[in-house]
Amino acid sequence: MAIEFDCVIIGAGAAGLMAAIESSKRGKRTLLLEKNTKPGVKILMSGGTRCNLTQNTDTRGIISEFGPNGRFLHSALAAFSNEDLVTYFNQRGLPTKVEETGKIFPQSDRAKDVLDVLVADAEQHQVYLNLAEPVELLEHSLNGFHIQTPKAQYVTSRVLITTGGRSYPGCGTTGDGYQWCRAFGHTIVDTYPALAPLKTPKNSWTRNLQGVTLPELGLTIFDAKQKAVAKSQGSTLFTHVGVSGPSAMNISKYVSTYANADFTLAFDLLPSLNLDQKQSKLQKLITDEPRKQIDSVLKHLFPSRVVEVILEQSQINTTDRCAEIGKAKIRILTQTIHSLQTPVTGTLGFEKAEVTAGGVSLLEVDSKTMESKCLPGLYLAGEILDLDGPIGGYNFTAAFATGFLAGQHL
């Protein structure tokens, strides 16, 4: 015998939890199904287990970071803005803080505290939260939606799919929702890993900097024709396989999208200065200390391991004295610091990607309600949609806002 609910939500992540709370508030008998043994697994591991909730900007600032697809978020953010999101957690006893980058975290630096607020709110509003209950079958007929799990059969007139994309499949986000959406007539825009670390060749100079973090680098990806296809600036971490950190991850989807293309990654080690300003700065440093070795002078600007790489790539000996460094070598040094390059061989893929680019076509979803234009009664929210933004809390903002808006219309 099938159990009836007013609405069933599949996937207890940020979007699913928020939607379930909002739906139950409005008196709907709401079932939230989650295949993991606990809800919000991705919330718990996000932001280095600190959970970057949102960004300290206005609605326009959020929308702009999603590119052309960001326009889809106007109604969702009008219903539940990033400011509303912060207020939501503050009012439930979870204070937040704004960091220098504009990222907003719980003051406790604990993602678990974020999840605890959501789960407690769901319990208070009598959401039926069923864990360790994967959906095996989702079908639609004249009688509504029929859902089969290993434990029960359910019937409902409204279903919200918030199963996420394909990023971090260890969290359970293995793309389950795409097949259901296709079966209901939806187009799935090709999916790619986004916000993923970049890989460089084994012989790349980047491998010599494993473990080094530089707080402010400018990164540019060039295609085979030396056309700049993506740019980013920010903190950069060199790893045992390549480059990570916000600056690298924010441009990774351009590498993912063209998997077999030849890309070059260029590093501007002093992005606050243009080429002429860099040369003037180096000229002064070198002229002011003629007796010192060039490596010791460059250590005023960069960590010692970075200096070694700069000099090696410029073919200058570390023991050369500044008096021996002529204008020609200064020009070479300047160019190296301005655009230190390495090939890029790919990304670490969905396994390490924080977000999925691509997903259900936004043209087929009503942005004012999150209802499918292909099948009445079907709703979609969160990462399953063709929406992806940069690091900084933007993707959580979109998930919470679209979930909230869907919950108002279930």
Protein backbone atom coordinates (compact mmCIF):
# COMPACT_ATOMS: atom_id res chain seq x y z
CA MET A 1 0.00 0.00 0.00
CA ALA A 2 1.51 3.32 -1.08
CA ILE A 3 1.92 6.04 1.57
CA GLU A 4 0.59 9.46 0.56
CA PHE A 5 2.35 12.78 1.05
CA ASP A 6 1.51 16.27 -0.16
CA CYS A 7 5.02 16.51 -1.56
CA VAL A 8 8.20 14.43 -1.65
CA ILE A 9 11.69 15.93 -1.84
CA ILE A 10 14.56 13.74 -2.99
CA GLY A 11 17.96 14.74 -1.59
CA ALA A 12 18.61 16.25 1.85
CA GLY A 13 21.33 18.74 0.99
CA ALA A 14 21.17 22.52 1.32
CA ALA A 15 18.37 22.95 -1.25
CA GLY A 16 16.36 19.93 -0.09
CA LEU A 17 16.47 20.78 3.61
CA MET A 18 15.51 24.41 3.03
CA ALA A 19 12.67 23.40 0.68
CA ALA A 20 11.33 20.84 3.15
CA ILE A 21 11.32 23.36 5.99
CA GLU A 22 9.54 25.97 3.87
CA SER A 23 6.99 23.46 2.56
CA SER A 24 6.16 22.11 6.01
CA LYS A 25 5.80 25.64 7.38
CA ARG A 26 2.95 26.05 4.91
CA GLY A 27 1.14 23.02 6.26
CA LYS A 28 2.21 20.53 3.60
CA ARG A 29 2.82 16.96 4.70
CA THR A 30 6.39 16.75 3.46
CA LEU A 31 8.66 13.73 3.03
CA LEU A 32 12.40 14.30 2.57
CA LEU A 33 14.26 11.24 1.29
CA GLU A 34 18.03 10.89 1.62
CA LYS A 35 20.08 7.92 0.45
CA ASN A 36 22.96 8.63 2.88
CA THR A 37 22.83 7.66 6.54
CA LYS A 38 22.96 11.35 7.46
CA PRO A 39 21.70 14.53 5.79
CA GLY A 40 23.82 17.38 4.44
CA VAL A 41 27.01 15.42 3.85
CA LYS A 42 28.30 18.04 1.42
CA ILE A 43 27.50 20.81 3.89
CA LEU A 44 29.67 19.07 6.47
CA MET A 45 32.74 18.90 4.24
CA SER A 46 32.39 22.27 2.51
CA GLY A 47 34.76 25.15 3.13
CA GLY A 48 37.28 22.86 4.78
CA THR A 49 34.51 21.69 7.17
CA ARG A 50 33.76 25.36 8.02
CA CYS A 51 30.90 25.86 5.48
CA ASN A 52 31.18 29.12 3.52
CA LEU A 53 27.48 30.04 3.64
CA THR A 54 27.42 33.02 1.31
CA GLN A 55 29.24 36.16 0.18
CA ASN A 56 29.10 39.65 1.66
CA THR A 57 27.62 41.41 -1.37
CA ASP A 58 24.22 42.44 -2.70
CA THR A 59 21.85 40.42 -4.87
CA ARG A 60 23.30 41.95 -8.02
CA GLY A 61 26.76 40.83 -6.89
CA ILE A 62 25.57 37.26 -6.44
CA ILE A 63 23.80 37.12 -9.80
CA SER A 64 26.73 38.58 -11.76
CA GLU A 65 29.07 35.80 -10.60
CA PHE A 66 26.96 33.16 -12.35
CA GLY A 67 27.42 34.74 -15.77
CA PRO A 68 24.50 34.82 -18.24
CA ASN A 69 22.66 32.04 -16.33
CA GLY A 70 22.64 34.19 -13.20
CA ARG A 71 19.51 35.99 -14.41
CA PHE A 72 17.60 32.83 -13.55
CA LEU A 73 18.20 33.58 -9.85
CA HIS A 74 16.36 36.92 -9.70
CA SER A 75 13.12 35.50 -8.28
CA ALA A 76 14.82 33.04 -5.94
CA LEU A 77 17.02 35.74 -4.43
CA ALA A 78 14.06 38.11 -4.20
CA ALA A 79 12.34 35.45 -2.08
CA PHE A 80 15.43 34.50 -0.05
CA SER A 81 18.50 36.69 -0.50
CA ASN A 82 21.98 36.14 0.86
CA GLU A 83 21.10 38.65 3.60
CA ASP A 84 18.00 36.61 4.44
CA LEU A 85 20.20 33.52 4.62
CA VAL A 86 22.50 35.13 7.17
CA THR A 87 19.50 36.38 9.17
CA TYR A 88 17.98 32.89 9.08
CA PHE A 89 20.97 31.34 10.84
CA ASN A 90 21.54 34.29 13.19
CA GLN A 91 17.95 34.16 14.43
CA ARG A 92 18.35 30.46 15.18
CA GLY A 93 21.34 31.01 17.43
CA LEU A 94 24.18 30.64 14.93
CA PRO A 95 26.21 33.85 14.69
CA THR A 96 28.19 34.45 11.51
CA LYS A 97 31.33 36.38 10.56
CA VAL A 98 32.63 38.09 7.42
CA GLU A 99 36.22 37.38 6.41
CA GLU A 100 38.51 39.69 4.41
CA THR A 101 37.61 37.89 1.18
CA GLY A 102 33.91 38.64 1.75
CA LYS A 103 33.19 35.00 2.58
CA ILE A 104 30.64 34.51 5.37
CA PHE A 105 31.17 31.59 7.78
CA PRO A 106 29.57 30.50 11.03
CA GLN A 107 31.46 32.19 13.84
CA SER A 108 32.22 28.77 15.27
CA ASP A 109 33.97 27.66 12.03
CA ARG A 110 31.93 24.45 12.26
CA ALA A 111 29.89 23.23 9.29
CA LYS A 112 28.16 20.84 11.70
CA ASP A 113 26.56 23.83 13.43
CA VAL A 114 25.02 24.91 10.11
CA LEU A 115 23.58 21.45 9.52
CA ASP A 116 22.33 21.19 13.11
CA VAL A 117 20.28 24.39 12.64
CA LEU A 118 18.67 23.05 9.46
CA VAL A 119 17.89 19.62 10.92
CA ALA A 120 16.45 21.14 14.10
CA ASP A 121 14.25 23.45 12.02
CA ALA A 122 13.07 20.51 9.92
CA GLU A 123 12.19 18.58 13.07
CA GLN A 124 10.37 21.57 14.56
CA HIS A 125 8.22 21.88 11.45
CA GLN A 126 7.55 18.13 11.38
CA VAL A 127 9.35 17.26 8.16
CA TYR A 128 9.44 13.50 7.65
CA LEU A 129 13.19 13.02 7.15
CA ASN A 130 13.93 9.45 6.04
CA LEU A 131 17.65 8.60 5.94
CA ALA A 132 19.37 5.65 4.26
CA GLU A 133 16.42 5.42 1.87
CA PRO A 134 17.52 5.74 -1.78
CA VAL A 135 14.93 6.16 -4.50
CA GLU A 136 14.94 3.12 -6.77
CA LEU A 137 12.09 4.18 -9.04
CA LEU A 138 10.41 7.51 -9.79
CA GLU A 139 7.51 7.43 -12.23
CA HIS A 140 4.58 9.64 -13.17
CA SER A 141 1.04 8.70 -14.15
CA LEU A 142 -2.42 10.25 -14.12
CA ASN A 143 -2.53 9.52 -10.38
CA GLY A 144 0.62 11.54 -9.71
CA PHE A 145 4.16 10.52 -8.88
CA HIS A 146 5.03 7.02 -7.70
CA ILE A 147 8.22 6.55 -5.72
CA GLN A 148 9.76 3.20 -4.82
CA THR A 149 12.49 2.80 -2.19
CA PRO A 150 13.83 -0.37 -0.55
CA LYS A 151 11.58 0.39 2.43
CA ALA A 152 8.27 1.64 1.01
CA GLN A 153 6.16 2.96 -1.85
CA TYR A 154 5.01 6.58 -1.87
CA VAL A 155 2.52 8.54 -3.92
CA THR A 156 2.34 12.33 -4.21
CA SER A 157 1.17 15.06 -6.54
CA ARG A 158 4.41 17.06 -6.24
CA VAL A 159 8.06 16.02 -6.33
CA LEU A 160 11.14 18.20 -5.87
CA ILE A 161 14.47 16.79 -7.06
CA THR A 162 17.44 18.19 -5.13
CA THR A 163 19.92 15.38 -5.67
CA GLY A 164 22.79 17.66 -6.67
CA GLY A 165 25.15 17.09 -9.56
CA ARG A 166 28.14 14.78 -9.94
CA SER A 167 30.75 16.59 -7.82
CA TYR A 168 32.19 14.82 -4.76
CA PRO A 169 30.46 11.50 -5.58
CA GLY A 170 31.63 10.22 -2.19
CA CYS A 171 28.90 12.46 -0.75
CA GLY A 172 26.29 10.52 -2.69
CA THR A 173 26.01 13.07 -5.51
CA THR A 174 26.38 10.60 -8.37
CA GLY A 175 24.04 12.22 -10.90
CA ASP A 176 20.95 10.14 -10.00
CA GLY A 177 18.58 13.01 -10.72
CA TYR A 178 19.65 13.49 -14.33
CA GLN A 179 18.16 10.20 -15.52
CA TRP A 180 14.80 10.97 -13.91
CA CYS A 181 14.77 14.44 -15.44
CA ARG A 182 15.58 13.04 -18.89
CA ALA A 183 12.76 10.53 -18.54
CA PHE A 184 10.39 13.41 -17.78
CA GLY A 185 11.46 15.24 -20.96
CA HIS A 186 14.20 17.52 -19.68
CA THR A 187 17.37 18.46 -21.53
CA ILE A 188 20.59 17.95 -19.57
CA VAL A 189 23.26 20.47 -20.53
CA ASP A 190 26.61 18.61 -20.69
CA THR A 191 28.12 18.33 -17.20
CA TYR A 192 31.73 19.06 -16.30
CA PRO A 193 33.73 19.30 -13.08
CA ALA A 194 33.95 22.89 -11.82
CA LEU A 195 35.96 24.29 -8.90
CA ALA A 196 38.46 21.44 -9.19
CA PRO A 197 42.27 21.47 -8.71
CA LEU A 198 44.37 21.64 -11.88
CA LYS A 199 46.96 19.08 -12.98
CA THR A 200 50.35 19.94 -14.49
CA PRO A 201 52.98 17.64 -16.09
CA LYS A 202 55.30 15.66 -13.81
CA ASN A 203 58.28 17.67 -15.04
CA SER A 204 56.59 21.04 -14.46
CA TRP A 205 58.30 23.55 -12.19
CA THR A 206 55.06 23.67 -10.18
CA ARG A 207 55.94 20.30 -8.62
CA ASN A 208 58.98 21.92 -6.94
CA LEU A 209 56.61 24.21 -5.03
CA GLN A 210 54.44 21.51 -3.47
CA GLY A 211 52.92 22.84 -0.23
CA VAL A 212 53.63 26.51 -1.00
CA THR A 213 50.67 28.91 -0.77
CA LEU A 214 50.83 32.39 -2.27
CA PRO A 215 48.02 34.69 -1.10
CA GLU A 216 47.60 36.77 -4.26
CA LEU A 217 48.46 35.50 -7.73
CA GLY A 218 46.98 36.29 -11.11
CA LEU A 219 46.22 33.24 -13.24
CA THR A 220 45.41 33.15 -16.96
CA ILE A 221 44.58 30.12 -19.09
CA PHE A 222 45.70 30.36 -22.74
CA ASP A 223 44.51 28.06 -25.50
CA ALA A 224 46.72 26.56 -28.24
CA LYS A 225 46.49 29.83 -30.20
CA GLN A 226 47.69 31.78 -27.14
CA LYS A 227 44.27 33.35 -26.69
CA ALA A 228 43.38 34.07 -23.05
CA VAL A 229 40.21 32.08 -22.30
CA ALA A 230 39.94 32.52 -18.52
CA LYS A 231 41.42 34.72 -15.80
CA SER A 232 41.37 34.63 -12.01
CA GLN A 233 43.16 36.22 -9.08
CA GLY A 234 43.56 35.12 -5.49
CA SER A 235 45.14 32.57 -3.20
CA THR A 236 47.03 29.75 -4.92
CA LEU A 237 48.26 26.47 -3.47
CA PHE A 238 50.86 24.34 -5.27
CA THR A 239 50.24 20.61 -4.83
CA HIS A 240 51.90 17.29 -5.61
CA VAL A 241 49.94 17.08 -8.87
CA GLY A 242 49.60 20.73 -9.87
CA VAL A 243 47.77 23.80 -8.60
CA SER A 244 44.82 24.34 -6.28
CA GLY A 245 43.33 27.13 -4.19
CA PRO A 246 40.51 29.53 -5.14
CA SER A 247 42.31 31.17 -8.08
CA ALA A 248 43.03 27.86 -9.84
CA MET A 249 39.71 26.22 -9.01
CA ASN A 250 37.67 29.20 -10.24
CA ILE A 251 39.02 28.74 -13.78
CA SER A 252 39.16 24.94 -13.80
CA LYS A 253 35.88 24.42 -15.65
CA TYR A 254 37.40 25.93 -18.80
CA VAL A 255 39.94 23.11 -18.74
CA SER A 256 37.25 20.50 -17.95
CA THR A 257 35.01 21.68 -20.79
CA TYR A 258 37.69 21.10 -23.43
CA ALA A 259 39.31 17.96 -22.08
CA ASN A 260 41.65 17.29 -25.02
CA ALA A 261 42.71 20.88 -25.69
CA ASP A 262 46.25 22.21 -25.21
CA PHE A 263 46.15 24.75 -22.41
CA THR A 264 48.90 26.83 -20.87
CA LEU A 265 48.58 28.31 -17.40
CA ALA A 266 50.37 31.62 -16.81
CA PHE A 267 51.10 32.97 -13.31
CA ASP A 268 51.46 36.67 -12.59
CA LEU A 269 53.43 36.63 -9.34
CA LEU A 270 52.87 40.36 -8.72
CA PRO A 271 49.38 41.01 -10.12
CA SER A 272 49.05 44.44 -8.48
CA LEU A 273 51.79 45.82 -10.78
CA ASN A 274 51.84 46.08 -14.57
CA LEU A 275 54.87 44.98 -16.60
CA ASP A 276 56.62 48.37 -16.51
CA GLN A 277 56.01 48.77 -12.77
CA LYS A 278 57.44 45.31 -12.14
CA GLN A 279 60.56 46.16 -14.12
CA SER A 280 61.04 49.44 -12.24
CA LYS A 281 60.63 47.65 -8.90
CA LEU A 282 63.18 44.98 -9.81
CA GLN A 283 65.59 47.57 -11.22
CA LYS A 284 65.51 49.52 -7.94
CA LEU A 285 65.92 46.42 -5.75
CA ILE A 286 68.89 45.19 -7.75
CA THR A 287 70.55 48.61 -8.11
CA ASP A 288 70.19 49.38 -4.39
CA GLU A 289 72.04 46.25 -3.28
CA PRO A 290 74.80 45.59 -5.85
CA ARG A 291 76.92 43.37 -3.58
CA LYS A 292 74.14 40.98 -2.58
CA GLN A 293 73.30 37.77 -4.39
CA ILE A 294 70.26 38.00 -6.60
CA ASP A 295 68.42 35.25 -4.71
CA SER A 296 68.67 37.10 -1.38
CA VAL A 297 67.29 40.29 -2.94
CA LEU A 298 64.34 38.50 -4.56
CA LYS A 299 63.48 37.00 -1.17
CA HIS A 300 62.20 40.46 -0.24
CA LEU A 301 59.34 39.71 -2.65
CA PHE A 302 58.86 35.93 -2.67
CA PRO A 303 59.44 32.81 -0.54
CA SER A 304 62.83 31.17 -1.11
CA ARG A 305 61.44 28.17 -3.05
CA VAL A 306 59.59 30.51 -5.40
CA VAL A 307 62.78 32.53 -5.91
CA GLU A 308 64.61 29.33 -6.91
CA VAL A 309 61.97 28.60 -9.55
CA ILE A 310 62.00 32.18 -10.88
CA LEU A 311 65.78 32.16 -11.30
CA GLU A 312 65.83 28.69 -12.82
CA GLN A 313 63.13 29.63 -15.35
CA SER A 314 65.05 32.85 -16.12
CA GLN A 315 68.33 30.91 -16.49
CA ILE A 316 70.06 33.05 -13.89
CA ASN A 317 72.36 31.58 -11.24
CA THR A 318 71.23 32.01 -7.65
CA THR A 319 74.76 33.07 -6.67
CA ASP A 320 75.02 35.88 -9.23
CA ARG A 321 75.57 39.22 -7.55
CA CYS A 322 73.19 42.07 -8.32
CA ALA A 323 76.02 44.08 -9.88
CA GLU A 324 76.27 41.32 -12.52
CA ILE A 325 72.58 41.54 -13.43
CA GLY A 326 72.31 43.81 -16.45
CA LYS A 327 69.25 45.30 -18.12
CA ALA A 328 68.76 42.30 -20.39
CA LYS A 329 68.56 39.90 -17.44
CA ILE A 330 66.26 42.27 -15.56
CA ARG A 331 63.90 42.20 -18.55
CA ILE A 332 63.96 38.38 -18.53
CA LEU A 333 63.31 38.30 -14.77
CA THR A 334 60.45 40.76 -15.16
CA GLN A 335 58.84 38.67 -17.88
CA THR A 336 59.16 35.50 -15.77
CA ILE A 337 57.53 37.16 -12.77
CA HIS A 338 54.84 38.66 -15.01
CA SER A 339 53.98 35.42 -16.82
CA LEU A 340 55.52 32.23 -15.44
CA GLN A 341 54.04 29.45 -17.54
CA THR A 342 53.33 25.74 -17.43
CA PRO A 343 51.20 23.35 -19.49
CA VAL A 344 47.96 22.12 -17.91
CA THR A 345 47.03 18.46 -18.42
CA GLY A 346 43.53 18.53 -16.92
CA THR A 347 41.74 18.68 -13.57
CA LEU A 348 41.23 16.20 -10.75
CA GLY A 349 37.71 15.67 -12.09
CA PHE A 350 34.42 15.14 -10.31
CA GLU A 351 36.14 13.27 -7.46
CA LYS A 352 37.63 16.55 -6.21
CA ALA A 353 35.31 19.10 -7.84
CA GLU A 354 33.25 21.23 -5.49
CA VAL A 355 30.54 21.95 -8.06
CA THR A 356 29.08 20.55 -11.28
CA ALA A 357 28.90 22.80 -14.33
CA GLY A 358 25.94 21.99 -16.57
CA GLY A 359 22.75 20.20 -15.57
CA VAL A 360 19.04 20.62 -16.20
CA SER A 361 18.46 23.36 -18.79
CA LEU A 362 17.18 26.54 -17.17
CA LEU A 363 14.98 27.15 -20.21
CA GLU A 364 12.82 24.25 -19.02
CA VAL A 365 12.30 25.46 -15.44
CA ASP A 366 10.03 28.29 -14.28
CA SER A 367 12.38 30.62 -12.41
CA LYS A 368 9.44 32.11 -10.43
CA THR A 369 8.40 28.77 -8.89
CA MET A 370 11.13 26.20 -9.74
CA GLU A 371 8.44 24.07 -11.41
CA SER A 372 9.33 22.05 -14.48
CA LYS A 373 7.96 23.35 -17.77
CA CYS A 374 8.05 19.77 -19.06
CA LEU A 375 5.93 18.14 -16.36
CA PRO A 376 3.53 19.92 -13.97
CA GLY A 377 4.10 18.93 -10.35
CA LEU A 378 7.82 18.32 -10.85
CA TYR A 379 10.17 20.85 -9.25
CA LEU A 380 13.95 21.25 -9.43
CA ALA A 381 16.38 23.15 -7.20
CA GLY A 382 20.03 23.33 -6.24
CA GLU A 383 23.04 21.96 -8.07
CA ILE A 384 21.03 19.75 -10.42
CA LEU A 385 20.28 22.94 -12.37
CA ASP A 386 22.64 24.39 -14.98
CA LEU A 387 24.02 26.94 -12.51
CA ASP A 388 27.56 27.17 -11.19
CA GLY A 389 29.35 30.07 -9.56
CA PRO A 390 32.86 30.68 -8.20
CA ILE A 391 34.27 29.87 -4.79
CA GLY A 392 32.95 32.20 -2.09
CA GLY A 393 29.59 30.86 -0.95
CA TYR A 394 27.82 31.64 -4.23
CA ASN A 395 26.75 28.06 -4.94
CA PHE A 396 25.33 27.54 -1.44
CA THR A 397 23.46 30.83 -1.81
CA ALA A 398 21.87 29.58 -5.03
CA ALA A 399 21.02 26.20 -3.48
CA PHE A 400 19.34 27.71 -0.41
CA ALA A 401 17.47 30.33 -2.47
CA THR A 402 16.16 27.95 -5.14
CA GLY A 403 15.23 25.42 -2.44
CA PHE A 404 13.39 28.08 -0.44
CA LEU A 405 11.46 29.26 -3.51
CA ALA A 406 10.53 25.70 -4.52
CA GLY A 407 9.34 25.04 -0.95
CA GLN A 408 6.95 27.96 -1.23
CA HIS A 409 5.24 26.41 -4.27
CA LEU A 410 5.21 22.69 -3.51
